[in-house]
Amino acid sequence: ALIDAGIARVVSPLADHDTRVSGRGFDMLRAAGIAVDIGPMATEAARDHRGFFLATLQNRPLLTLKLASSFDGRIATDTGESQWITGPQARRMVHGLRASHDAVMIGAGTARADDPTLTVRDMGITRQPVRVVVSRMLDIPLSGQLAQTAADVPLWLCHGPDADPMLIK
């Protein structure tokens, strides 16, 4: 499409390290007389595409830990009750993190205590990450938001060998 469009110059921060393509696109552009410059803003591009590079170069996923705690290092009240400890700006950033990842993972305790949806909201994005709940015994509420929205947004339940077979079904 770029060749047919008559583009004179292409600027890319990085070459594609995926061995399936490995620069052949740039070679095609150069063969068509299009100037190809590689390198500007390479550091920023590498950061933005780190998940892709980990997957293609090291065959492993990018994991991001999102943790919010109070000044004293707690994540709940003394009684164990969950409460908001972040502001609107931080919560919006979390939705951006969700939007940029393939999956969001929590434990069963968080699913029970917070009843989250784990969806991307208020960003104009329709693609949702897979929601993953790790629960040794599958002891998450079927009336909770995760289970109730499973038909619309993918939900994976990872359980241990002793989980109730009826719950697995």
N, C-alpha and C. Protein backbone atom coordinates (compact mmCIF):
# COMPACT_ATOMS: atom_id res chain seq x y z
N ALA A 1 0.82 -1.19 0.00
CA ALA A 1 0.00 0.00 0.00
C ALA A 1 0.86 1.25 0.00
N LEU A 2 1.97 1.25 0.76
CA LEU A 2 2.85 2.42 0.77
C LEU A 2 3.50 2.64 -0.58
N ILE A 3 3.90 1.56 -1.21
CA ILE A 3 4.53 1.68 -2.53
C ILE A 3 3.52 2.23 -3.53
N ASP A 4 2.32 1.68 -3.53
CA ASP A 4 1.28 2.14 -4.46
C ASP A 4 0.86 3.58 -4.19
N ALA A 5 0.98 4.03 -2.94
CA ALA A 5 0.56 5.39 -2.58
C ALA A 5 1.58 6.44 -3.00
N GLY A 6 2.76 6.00 -3.42
CA GLY A 6 3.77 6.96 -3.85
C GLY A 6 4.50 7.65 -2.72
N ILE A 7 4.54 7.03 -1.57
CA ILE A 7 5.25 7.59 -0.42
C ILE A 7 6.74 7.68 -0.76
N ALA A 8 7.38 8.80 -0.41
CA ALA A 8 8.79 8.99 -0.75
C ALA A 8 9.72 8.53 0.36
N ARG A 9 9.26 8.58 1.62
CA ARG A 9 10.15 8.27 2.74
C ARG A 9 9.36 7.65 3.88
N VAL A 10 9.94 6.64 4.50
CA VAL A 10 9.35 5.99 5.67
C VAL A 10 10.35 6.12 6.81
N VAL A 11 9.84 6.55 7.97
CA VAL A 11 10.67 6.66 9.17
C VAL A 11 10.11 5.69 10.20
N SER A 12 10.96 4.81 10.70
CA SER A 12 10.55 3.83 11.70
C SER A 12 11.55 3.85 12.84
N PRO A 13 11.09 3.82 14.07
CA PRO A 13 12.04 3.84 15.18
C PRO A 13 12.84 2.54 15.32
N LEU A 14 12.26 1.43 14.89
CA LEU A 14 12.90 0.13 15.09
C LEU A 14 12.70 -0.77 13.87
N ALA A 15 13.64 -1.65 13.69
CA ALA A 15 13.45 -2.73 12.72
C ALA A 15 12.65 -3.83 13.40
N ASP A 16 11.94 -4.60 12.63
CA ASP A 16 11.14 -5.70 13.16
C ASP A 16 12.07 -6.89 13.41
N HIS A 17 12.14 -7.33 14.65
CA HIS A 17 13.01 -8.45 15.01
C HIS A 17 12.35 -9.81 14.80
N ASP A 18 11.11 -9.82 14.39
CA ASP A 18 10.40 -11.08 14.17
C ASP A 18 11.03 -11.77 12.96
N THR A 19 11.56 -12.96 13.16
CA THR A 19 12.28 -13.66 12.09
C THR A 19 11.38 -14.03 10.92
N ARG A 20 10.08 -14.01 11.12
CA ARG A 20 9.18 -14.32 10.01
C ARG A 20 9.18 -13.22 8.95
N VAL A 21 9.50 -12.00 9.34
CA VAL A 21 9.54 -10.89 8.38
C VAL A 21 10.92 -10.27 8.28
N SER A 22 11.57 -10.10 9.40
CA SER A 22 12.98 -9.73 9.52
C SER A 22 13.47 -8.71 8.50
N GLY A 23 12.82 -7.58 8.40
CA GLY A 23 13.30 -6.49 7.54
C GLY A 23 12.93 -6.58 6.09
N ARG A 24 12.23 -7.63 5.69
CA ARG A 24 11.89 -7.77 4.26
C ARG A 24 11.01 -6.62 3.78
N GLY A 25 10.15 -6.10 4.65
CA GLY A 25 9.31 -4.97 4.27
C GLY A 25 10.14 -3.74 3.94
N PHE A 26 11.15 -3.48 4.76
CA PHE A 26 12.04 -2.35 4.48
C PHE A 26 12.78 -2.57 3.17
N ASP A 27 13.22 -3.81 2.92
CA ASP A 27 13.91 -4.12 1.66
C ASP A 27 13.00 -3.86 0.47
N MET A 28 11.73 -4.23 0.59
CA MET A 28 10.78 -3.99 -0.50
C MET A 28 10.60 -2.49 -0.76
N LEU A 29 10.52 -1.73 0.32
CA LEU A 29 10.37 -0.28 0.17
C LEU A 29 11.60 0.33 -0.51
N ARG A 30 12.78 -0.07 -0.06
CA ARG A 30 14.01 0.45 -0.68
C ARG A 30 14.11 0.06 -2.15
N ALA A 31 13.73 -1.17 -2.47
CA ALA A 31 13.77 -1.63 -3.86
C ALA A 31 12.83 -0.81 -4.74
N ALA A 32 11.79 -0.25 -4.14
CA ALA A 32 10.84 0.57 -4.89
C ALA A 32 11.27 2.04 -4.91
N GLY A 33 12.46 2.32 -4.37
CA GLY A 33 12.97 3.69 -4.40
C GLY A 33 12.52 4.56 -3.24
N ILE A 34 11.96 3.95 -2.22
CA ILE A 34 11.49 4.70 -1.05
C ILE A 34 12.61 4.75 -0.01
N ALA A 35 12.91 5.94 0.48
CA ALA A 35 13.93 6.10 1.52
C ALA A 35 13.39 5.54 2.83
N VAL A 36 14.22 4.78 3.54
CA VAL A 36 13.83 4.19 4.82
C VAL A 36 14.84 4.62 5.87
N ASP A 37 14.37 5.34 6.88
CA ASP A 37 15.21 5.76 8.00
C ASP A 37 14.76 4.99 9.24
N ILE A 38 15.72 4.37 9.92
CA ILE A 38 15.41 3.59 11.12
C ILE A 38 16.18 4.18 12.29
N GLY A 39 15.51 4.38 13.41
CA GLY A 39 16.22 4.78 14.60
C GLY A 39 15.67 5.91 15.43
N PRO A 40 14.96 6.90 14.86
CA PRO A 40 14.50 7.98 15.74
C PRO A 40 13.48 7.48 16.77
N MET A 41 13.64 7.91 17.99
CA MET A 41 12.77 7.56 19.12
C MET A 41 12.77 6.05 19.39
N ALA A 42 13.90 5.41 19.17
CA ALA A 42 13.99 3.96 19.35
C ALA A 42 13.75 3.55 20.80
N THR A 43 14.24 4.33 21.75
CA THR A 43 14.05 3.99 23.17
C THR A 43 12.58 3.97 23.54
N GLU A 44 11.85 5.00 23.11
CA GLU A 44 10.43 5.09 23.41
C GLU A 44 9.65 3.96 22.74
N ALA A 45 10.01 3.68 21.49
CA ALA A 45 9.31 2.61 20.75
C ALA A 45 9.58 1.25 21.39
N ALA A 46 10.81 1.01 21.82
CA ALA A 46 11.13 -0.27 22.47
C ALA A 46 10.33 -0.43 23.75
N ARG A 47 10.17 0.66 24.50
CA ARG A 47 9.37 0.61 25.73
C ARG A 47 7.91 0.31 25.41
N ASP A 48 7.37 1.00 24.40
CA ASP A 48 5.96 0.83 24.05
C ASP A 48 5.66 -0.54 23.47
N HIS A 49 6.65 -1.19 22.90
CA HIS A 49 6.45 -2.50 22.26
C HIS A 49 7.15 -3.63 23.01
N ARG A 50 7.44 -3.41 24.28
CA ARG A 50 8.20 -4.41 25.03
C ARG A 50 7.49 -5.75 25.11
N GLY A 51 6.17 -5.75 25.16
CA GLY A 51 5.43 -7.01 25.17
C GLY A 51 5.65 -7.80 23.90
N PHE A 52 5.64 -7.10 22.76
CA PHE A 52 5.88 -7.75 21.47
C PHE A 52 7.29 -8.33 21.42
N PHE A 53 8.28 -7.54 21.87
CA PHE A 53 9.66 -8.01 21.81
C PHE A 53 9.91 -9.18 22.76
N LEU A 54 9.32 -9.15 23.93
CA LEU A 54 9.46 -10.30 24.83
C LEU A 54 8.86 -11.56 24.21
N ALA A 55 7.71 -11.41 23.57
CA ALA A 55 7.05 -12.56 22.96
C ALA A 55 7.85 -13.11 21.78
N THR A 56 8.35 -12.22 20.92
CA THR A 56 9.01 -12.70 19.70
C THR A 56 10.48 -13.06 19.91
N LEU A 57 11.16 -12.39 20.83
CA LEU A 57 12.58 -12.65 21.02
C LEU A 57 12.88 -13.63 22.15
N GLN A 58 12.04 -13.63 23.20
CA GLN A 58 12.32 -14.47 24.36
C GLN A 58 11.21 -15.48 24.64
N ASN A 59 10.17 -15.46 23.81
CA ASN A 59 9.07 -16.41 23.94
C ASN A 59 8.45 -16.42 25.34
N ARG A 60 8.24 -15.22 25.87
CA ARG A 60 7.59 -15.12 27.18
C ARG A 60 6.71 -13.88 27.22
N PRO A 61 5.73 -13.87 28.09
CA PRO A 61 4.81 -12.73 28.16
C PRO A 61 5.38 -11.59 29.00
N LEU A 62 4.84 -10.42 28.78
CA LEU A 62 5.13 -9.26 29.63
C LEU A 62 4.11 -9.25 30.76
N LEU A 63 4.58 -9.17 31.98
CA LEU A 63 3.70 -9.10 33.14
C LEU A 63 3.88 -7.74 33.80
N THR A 64 2.77 -7.16 34.22
CA THR A 64 2.80 -5.89 34.93
C THR A 64 2.05 -6.08 36.24
N LEU A 65 2.69 -5.75 37.34
CA LEU A 65 2.02 -5.81 38.64
C LEU A 65 1.44 -4.43 38.93
N LYS A 66 0.15 -4.40 39.19
CA LYS A 66 -0.51 -3.16 39.61
C LYS A 66 -0.90 -3.37 41.06
N LEU A 67 -0.38 -2.52 41.92
CA LEU A 67 -0.66 -2.64 43.34
C LEU A 67 -0.88 -1.25 43.91
N ALA A 68 -1.93 -1.09 44.67
CA ALA A 68 -2.18 0.17 45.37
C ALA A 68 -2.18 -0.12 46.85
N SER A 69 -1.50 0.71 47.60
CA SER A 69 -1.50 0.54 49.05
C SER A 69 -1.53 1.91 49.71
N SER A 70 -1.95 1.92 50.94
CA SER A 70 -1.99 3.17 51.69
C SER A 70 -0.57 3.53 52.14
N PHE A 71 -0.43 4.70 52.74
CA PHE A 71 0.88 5.18 53.17
C PHE A 71 1.57 4.19 54.11
N ASP A 72 0.78 3.50 54.92
CA ASP A 72 1.35 2.54 55.86
C ASP A 72 1.51 1.14 55.25
N GLY A 73 1.30 1.02 53.94
CA GLY A 73 1.53 -0.25 53.25
C GLY A 73 0.35 -1.19 53.24
N ARG A 74 -0.80 -0.74 53.68
CA ARG A 74 -1.98 -1.61 53.73
C ARG A 74 -2.80 -1.49 52.44
N ILE A 75 -3.59 -2.53 52.18
CA ILE A 75 -4.48 -2.49 51.02
C ILE A 75 -5.95 -2.56 51.42
N ALA A 76 -6.20 -2.64 52.73
CA ALA A 76 -7.58 -2.69 53.24
C ALA A 76 -7.58 -2.08 54.64
N THR A 77 -8.76 -1.91 55.19
CA THR A 77 -8.88 -1.39 56.55
C THR A 77 -8.45 -2.46 57.55
N ASP A 78 -8.37 -2.08 58.82
CA ASP A 78 -8.00 -3.04 59.87
C ASP A 78 -8.96 -4.21 59.96
N THR A 79 -10.21 -3.99 59.56
CA THR A 79 -11.20 -5.07 59.60
C THR A 79 -11.18 -5.92 58.34
N GLY A 80 -10.30 -5.58 57.39
CA GLY A 80 -10.22 -6.34 56.14
C GLY A 80 -11.14 -5.83 55.06
N GLU A 81 -11.88 -4.77 55.37
CA GLU A 81 -12.82 -4.21 54.40
C GLU A 81 -12.06 -3.48 53.29
N SER A 82 -12.46 -3.74 52.07
CA SER A 82 -11.83 -3.09 50.92
C SER A 82 -12.38 -1.68 50.77
N GLN A 83 -11.52 -0.77 50.39
CA GLN A 83 -11.97 0.61 50.16
C GLN A 83 -11.08 1.24 49.09
N TRP A 84 -11.60 2.29 48.44
CA TRP A 84 -10.79 2.99 47.44
C TRP A 84 -9.63 3.68 48.14
N ILE A 85 -8.44 3.45 47.66
CA ILE A 85 -7.29 4.18 48.20
C ILE A 85 -6.56 4.93 47.10
N THR A 86 -7.13 4.90 45.90
CA THR A 86 -6.55 5.66 44.79
C THR A 86 -7.58 6.68 44.32
N GLY A 87 -7.11 7.69 43.63
CA GLY A 87 -8.00 8.72 43.11
C GLY A 87 -8.40 8.44 41.68
N PRO A 88 -9.22 9.32 41.10
CA PRO A 88 -9.71 9.14 39.73
C PRO A 88 -8.59 9.04 38.69
N GLN A 89 -7.53 9.81 38.86
CA GLN A 89 -6.43 9.79 37.89
C GLN A 89 -5.74 8.41 37.89
N ALA A 90 -5.50 7.86 39.05
CA ALA A 90 -4.87 6.54 39.14
C ALA A 90 -5.79 5.46 38.59
N ARG A 91 -7.08 5.57 38.87
CA ARG A 91 -8.02 4.57 38.35
C ARG A 91 -8.09 4.63 36.83
N ARG A 92 -8.02 5.84 36.26
CA ARG A 92 -8.01 5.97 34.80
C ARG A 92 -6.74 5.33 34.22
N MET A 93 -5.62 5.51 34.91
CA MET A 93 -4.37 4.90 34.46
C MET A 93 -4.49 3.37 34.47
N VAL A 94 -5.20 2.83 35.45
CA VAL A 94 -5.41 1.38 35.53
C VAL A 94 -6.19 0.90 34.31
N HIS A 95 -7.18 1.66 33.90
CA HIS A 95 -7.95 1.28 32.71
C HIS A 95 -7.04 1.30 31.47
N GLY A 96 -6.12 2.25 31.41
CA GLY A 96 -5.14 2.28 30.32
C GLY A 96 -4.24 1.06 30.35
N LEU A 97 -3.81 0.65 31.54
CA LEU A 97 -3.00 -0.56 31.66
C LEU A 97 -3.79 -1.78 31.19
N ARG A 98 -5.03 -1.88 31.61
CA ARG A 98 -5.86 -3.00 31.16
C ARG A 98 -5.98 -3.02 29.64
N ALA A 99 -6.19 -1.85 29.07
CA ALA A 99 -6.36 -1.76 27.61
C ALA A 99 -5.11 -2.18 26.86
N SER A 100 -3.95 -2.02 27.47
CA SER A 100 -2.69 -2.33 26.78
C SER A 100 -2.20 -3.75 27.05
N HIS A 101 -2.96 -4.53 27.78
CA HIS A 101 -2.55 -5.90 28.10
C HIS A 101 -3.59 -6.89 27.56
N ASP A 102 -3.15 -8.12 27.40
CA ASP A 102 -4.02 -9.17 26.88
C ASP A 102 -4.89 -9.78 27.97
N ALA A 103 -4.43 -9.70 29.22
CA ALA A 103 -5.17 -10.32 30.32
C ALA A 103 -4.96 -9.53 31.60
N VAL A 104 -5.93 -9.67 32.50
CA VAL A 104 -5.86 -9.10 33.84
C VAL A 104 -6.10 -10.25 34.81
N MET A 105 -5.18 -10.44 35.76
CA MET A 105 -5.28 -11.58 36.67
C MET A 105 -5.44 -11.12 38.12
N ILE A 106 -6.34 -11.78 38.82
CA ILE A 106 -6.51 -11.55 40.26
C ILE A 106 -6.66 -12.89 40.96
N GLY A 107 -6.56 -12.86 42.26
CA GLY A 107 -6.82 -14.05 43.06
C GLY A 107 -8.28 -14.09 43.50
N ALA A 108 -8.69 -15.23 44.00
CA ALA A 108 -10.07 -15.41 44.44
C ALA A 108 -10.43 -14.47 45.58
N GLY A 109 -9.48 -14.18 46.45
CA GLY A 109 -9.75 -13.27 47.57
C GLY A 109 -10.16 -11.89 47.08
N THR A 110 -9.48 -11.39 46.07
CA THR A 110 -9.83 -10.09 45.50
C THR A 110 -11.19 -10.17 44.81
N ALA A 111 -11.46 -11.28 44.13
CA ALA A 111 -12.76 -11.44 43.47
C ALA A 111 -13.89 -11.42 44.49
N ARG A 112 -13.68 -12.06 45.63
CA ARG A 112 -14.72 -12.10 46.67
C ARG A 112 -14.85 -10.74 47.37
N ALA A 113 -13.74 -10.13 47.72
CA ALA A 113 -13.77 -8.90 48.51
C ALA A 113 -14.23 -7.68 47.70
N ASP A 114 -13.78 -7.59 46.44
CA ASP A 114 -14.04 -6.37 45.66
C ASP A 114 -15.16 -6.51 44.64
N ASP A 115 -15.51 -7.73 44.27
CA ASP A 115 -16.50 -7.97 43.21
C ASP A 115 -16.23 -7.09 41.98
N PRO A 116 -15.02 -7.20 41.41
CA PRO A 116 -14.66 -6.33 40.29
C PRO A 116 -15.22 -6.82 38.96
N THR A 117 -15.22 -5.94 37.97
CA THR A 117 -15.55 -6.36 36.60
C THR A 117 -14.27 -6.60 35.81
N LEU A 118 -13.19 -5.89 36.16
CA LEU A 118 -11.89 -5.99 35.47
C LEU A 118 -11.98 -5.65 33.99
N THR A 119 -12.88 -4.76 33.63
CA THR A 119 -13.03 -4.35 32.24
C THR A 119 -12.41 -2.97 32.03
N VAL A 120 -12.17 -2.65 30.77
CA VAL A 120 -11.71 -1.31 30.39
C VAL A 120 -12.96 -0.46 30.20
N ARG A 121 -13.02 0.64 30.91
CA ARG A 121 -14.20 1.51 30.83
C ARG A 121 -13.78 2.96 30.59
N ASP A 122 -14.70 3.71 30.00
CA ASP A 122 -14.56 5.16 29.82
C ASP A 122 -13.33 5.56 29.02
N MET A 123 -12.91 4.72 28.09
CA MET A 123 -11.76 5.06 27.26
C MET A 123 -12.09 4.95 25.77
N GLY A 124 -13.32 4.62 25.44
CA GLY A 124 -13.69 4.48 24.03
C GLY A 124 -13.11 3.23 23.39
N ILE A 125 -12.80 2.23 24.20
CA ILE A 125 -12.17 1.00 23.71
C ILE A 125 -13.15 -0.15 23.88
N THR A 126 -13.34 -0.92 22.82
CA THR A 126 -14.28 -2.04 22.92
C THR A 126 -13.58 -3.36 23.22
N ARG A 127 -12.31 -3.52 22.79
CA ARG A 127 -11.59 -4.77 23.05
C ARG A 127 -11.29 -4.88 24.54
N GLN A 128 -11.67 -5.99 25.10
CA GLN A 128 -11.47 -6.22 26.53
C GLN A 128 -10.40 -7.28 26.75
N PRO A 129 -9.56 -7.11 27.77
CA PRO A 129 -8.60 -8.17 28.08
C PRO A 129 -9.32 -9.38 28.68
N VAL A 130 -8.71 -10.53 28.54
CA VAL A 130 -9.23 -11.73 29.21
C VAL A 130 -9.08 -11.51 30.71
N ARG A 131 -10.10 -11.86 31.46
CA ARG A 131 -10.04 -11.76 32.91
C ARG A 131 -9.70 -13.14 33.45
N VAL A 132 -8.66 -13.21 34.28
CA VAL A 132 -8.19 -14.48 34.82
C VAL A 132 -8.32 -14.43 36.34
N VAL A 133 -8.98 -15.44 36.89
CA VAL A 133 -9.09 -15.55 38.34
C VAL A 133 -8.41 -16.85 38.76
N VAL A 134 -7.46 -16.73 39.68
CA VAL A 134 -6.76 -17.89 40.21
C VAL A 134 -7.42 -18.24 41.54
N SER A 135 -7.98 -19.45 41.59
CA SER A 135 -8.72 -19.87 42.77
C SER A 135 -8.52 -21.37 42.96
N ARG A 136 -7.78 -21.73 43.97
CA ARG A 136 -7.48 -23.15 44.20
C ARG A 136 -8.75 -24.00 44.23
N MET A 137 -9.80 -23.49 44.90
CA MET A 137 -11.03 -24.27 45.08
C MET A 137 -12.20 -23.75 44.25
N LEU A 138 -11.98 -22.79 43.38
CA LEU A 138 -13.05 -22.15 42.58
C LEU A 138 -14.10 -21.52 43.48
N ASP A 139 -13.64 -20.93 44.57
CA ASP A 139 -14.58 -20.35 45.53
C ASP A 139 -14.79 -18.86 45.27
N ILE A 140 -15.31 -18.58 44.08
CA ILE A 140 -15.69 -17.20 43.76
C ILE A 140 -17.21 -17.16 43.60
N PRO A 141 -17.82 -16.06 43.92
CA PRO A 141 -19.29 -16.00 43.87
C PRO A 141 -19.82 -16.03 42.44
N LEU A 142 -20.73 -16.96 42.18
CA LEU A 142 -21.35 -17.03 40.85
C LEU A 142 -22.30 -15.87 40.62
N SER A 143 -22.69 -15.19 41.69
CA SER A 143 -23.55 -14.02 41.55
C SER A 143 -22.74 -12.74 41.36
N GLY A 144 -21.41 -12.85 41.40
CA GLY A 144 -20.55 -11.68 41.27
C GLY A 144 -20.47 -11.17 39.83
N GLN A 145 -19.91 -9.98 39.69
CA GLN A 145 -19.83 -9.34 38.38
C GLN A 145 -18.98 -10.12 37.38
N LEU A 146 -17.94 -10.79 37.84
CA LEU A 146 -17.11 -11.56 36.91
C LEU A 146 -17.91 -12.67 36.25
N ALA A 147 -18.60 -13.46 37.07
CA ALA A 147 -19.40 -14.57 36.53
C ALA A 147 -20.57 -14.05 35.70
N GLN A 148 -21.20 -12.98 36.17
CA GLN A 148 -22.38 -12.46 35.48
C GLN A 148 -22.06 -11.85 34.11
N THR A 149 -20.81 -11.44 33.90
CA THR A 149 -20.43 -10.83 32.62
C THR A 149 -19.59 -11.76 31.75
N ALA A 150 -19.46 -13.02 32.17
CA ALA A 150 -18.59 -13.96 31.45
C ALA A 150 -19.05 -14.23 30.02
N ALA A 151 -20.33 -14.08 29.74
CA ALA A 151 -20.82 -14.29 28.37
C ALA A 151 -20.37 -13.16 27.44
N ASP A 152 -20.09 -11.99 28.01
CA ASP A 152 -19.72 -10.83 27.20
C ASP A 152 -18.22 -10.56 27.17
N VAL A 153 -17.54 -10.86 28.28
CA VAL A 153 -16.10 -10.60 28.39
C VAL A 153 -15.45 -11.90 28.85
N PRO A 154 -14.43 -12.38 28.13
CA PRO A 154 -13.82 -13.67 28.48
C PRO A 154 -13.36 -13.73 29.93
N LEU A 155 -13.62 -14.87 30.56
CA LEU A 155 -13.22 -15.13 31.94
C LEU A 155 -12.58 -16.51 32.00
N TRP A 156 -11.35 -16.55 32.45
CA TRP A 156 -10.66 -17.83 32.64
C TRP A 156 -10.53 -18.07 34.13
N LEU A 157 -10.88 -19.28 34.55
CA LEU A 157 -10.75 -19.66 35.95
C LEU A 157 -9.65 -20.72 36.06
N CYS A 158 -8.63 -20.41 36.82
CA CYS A 158 -7.52 -21.35 37.03
C CYS A 158 -7.69 -21.93 38.43
N HIS A 159 -7.78 -23.25 38.50
CA HIS A 159 -8.08 -23.89 39.78
C HIS A 159 -7.12 -25.03 40.06
N GLY A 160 -7.13 -25.46 41.29
CA GLY A 160 -6.31 -26.58 41.71
C GLY A 160 -7.01 -27.90 41.49
N PRO A 161 -6.30 -29.00 41.74
CA PRO A 161 -6.85 -30.33 41.48
C PRO A 161 -7.99 -30.73 42.41
N ASP A 162 -8.13 -30.03 43.54
CA ASP A 162 -9.17 -30.40 44.50
C ASP A 162 -10.45 -29.58 44.36
N ALA A 163 -10.57 -28.80 43.29
CA ALA A 163 -11.78 -28.00 43.10
C ALA A 163 -12.97 -28.92 42.86
N ASP A 164 -14.12 -28.49 43.31
CA ASP A 164 -15.36 -29.25 43.17
C ASP A 164 -15.66 -29.49 41.69
N PRO A 165 -15.76 -30.76 41.26
CA PRO A 165 -16.03 -31.05 39.85
C PRO A 165 -17.32 -30.41 39.33
N MET A 166 -18.31 -30.24 40.20
CA MET A 166 -19.55 -29.59 39.78
C MET A 166 -19.32 -28.12 39.45
N LEU A 167 -18.42 -27.48 40.18
CA LEU A 167 -18.10 -26.07 39.89
C LEU A 167 -17.30 -25.94 38.61
N ILE A 168 -16.48 -26.93 38.33
CA ILE A 168 -15.65 -26.89 37.11
C ILE A 168 -16.54 -26.89 35.88
N LYS A 169 -17.63 -27.65 35.94
CA LYS A 169 -18.55 -27.69 34.80
C LYS A 169 -19.20 -26.35 34.64
